[in-house]
């Protein structure tokens, strides 16, 4: 697989951001890409992508790859949800596709979303674009997101910022936390 050192390096920053939101009484929503054990939510076009030696649903070193409930899909202990926090199990790259995220956000009365996590150019950017299309103001904490490939992260952040922040804004986690403290 990919070298995970880049994505693991952001864990302390993501943790600090989550703790800041919790301390301010703001909701934290966790997302994880995974599929049903019977793969009924996995289209063939997605299954056929990626590494040909191990596919979604195949057995890997941490259980079946990208299958709900398997050890390899678990949220890292340092970032684990607290009781009552929303966890979205998403079968796609974006967190809105085939999930209840839209309903959850409406129930919360959300208008602004802050994004963190991995990978910048796939799951984070896809969800951010989907949110922007639904009318949410979006911001990605640029030091709390990462990619396996630094050039992909840079390109994704540049696209987010392009044309007057057409998709949303970027800021550091310190700037986000300062904004929360001053709200």
Foldseek 3Di string as FASTA:
>chain_A
DFDCPFQVVLLVVLLVLVVLCVVLVHADEAEWEAAALVCPVPDPVQQPDDDPVATQNRQDPQGGHRHPPTRVGDDDPSNDDDPPHHYQHHNALERVPPTCVVVVCVVVVAQEDEDAHDDLQTNRLVNLQVVVVVRHAYEYQLSRHHYSDVVSSVVSQCVCPPPPRSSHYYHHSVVVSVVSVVD
